[in-house]
Amino acid sequence: MERELCGQILDEYLADYEHRNGPISEQEQESARRVLGEVFAEEGQWPAAS
């Protein structure tokens, strides 16, 4: 469930980014997914809200 929610959040972020700044490549999108996945893998949980 967390992975699905994380994917949805990233999709929304990327769509907003493209709306504001123009298209980003598939390679850049995959890089963003990989980085986000690594962050959550290191934490082992969702980061706390600040």
Protein backbone atom coordinates (compact mmCIF):
# COMPACT_ATOMS: atom_id res chain seq x y z
CA MET A 1 0.00 0.00 0.00
CA GLU A 2 2.80 2.45 0.86
CA ARG A 3 4.54 1.78 -2.45
CA GLU A 4 1.32 2.46 -4.37
CA LEU A 5 0.73 5.70 -2.48
CA CYS A 6 4.33 6.75 -3.03
CA GLY A 7 3.90 6.14 -6.77
CA GLN A 8 0.74 8.22 -6.86
CA ILE A 9 2.41 11.08 -5.02
CA LEU A 10 5.37 11.01 -7.38
CA ASP A 11 3.08 10.93 -10.43
CA GLU A 12 1.26 14.01 -9.14
CA TYR A 13 4.53 15.79 -8.39
CA LEU A 14 5.92 15.04 -11.85
CA ALA A 15 2.71 16.20 -13.54
CA ASP A 16 2.80 19.45 -11.58
CA TYR A 17 6.49 19.92 -12.39
CA GLU A 18 5.83 19.42 -16.10
CA HIS A 19 2.91 21.83 -15.99
CA ARG A 20 5.11 24.53 -14.47
CA ASN A 21 8.41 23.84 -16.25
CA GLY A 22 7.68 21.87 -19.41
CA PRO A 23 8.20 18.23 -20.31
CA ILE A 24 10.76 16.03 -18.61
CA SER A 25 12.24 12.96 -20.24
CA GLU A 26 11.32 9.39 -19.41
CA GLN A 27 14.89 8.96 -18.17
CA GLU A 28 14.47 11.85 -15.72
CA GLN A 29 11.16 10.39 -14.51
CA GLU A 30 12.77 6.99 -13.92
CA SER A 31 15.65 8.66 -12.09
CA ALA A 32 13.17 10.43 -9.78
CA ARG A 33 11.39 7.10 -9.10
CA ARG A 34 14.70 5.39 -8.34
CA VAL A 35 15.84 8.14 -5.95
CA LEU A 36 12.52 8.17 -4.11
CA GLY A 37 12.60 4.38 -3.83
CA GLU A 38 16.10 4.52 -2.36
CA VAL A 39 15.07 7.13 0.20
CA PHE A 40 12.19 5.02 1.46
CA ALA A 41 14.30 1.84 1.41
CA GLU A 42 16.91 3.53 3.61
CA GLU A 43 14.35 4.87 6.05
CA GLY A 44 12.32 1.70 6.20
CA GLN A 45 9.26 3.85 6.72
CA TRP A 46 7.61 7.06 5.60
CA PRO A 47 9.43 10.16 6.77
CA ALA A 48 7.75 12.05 9.59
CA ALA A 49 5.92 15.24 8.75
CA SER A 50 7.68 18.37 9.89
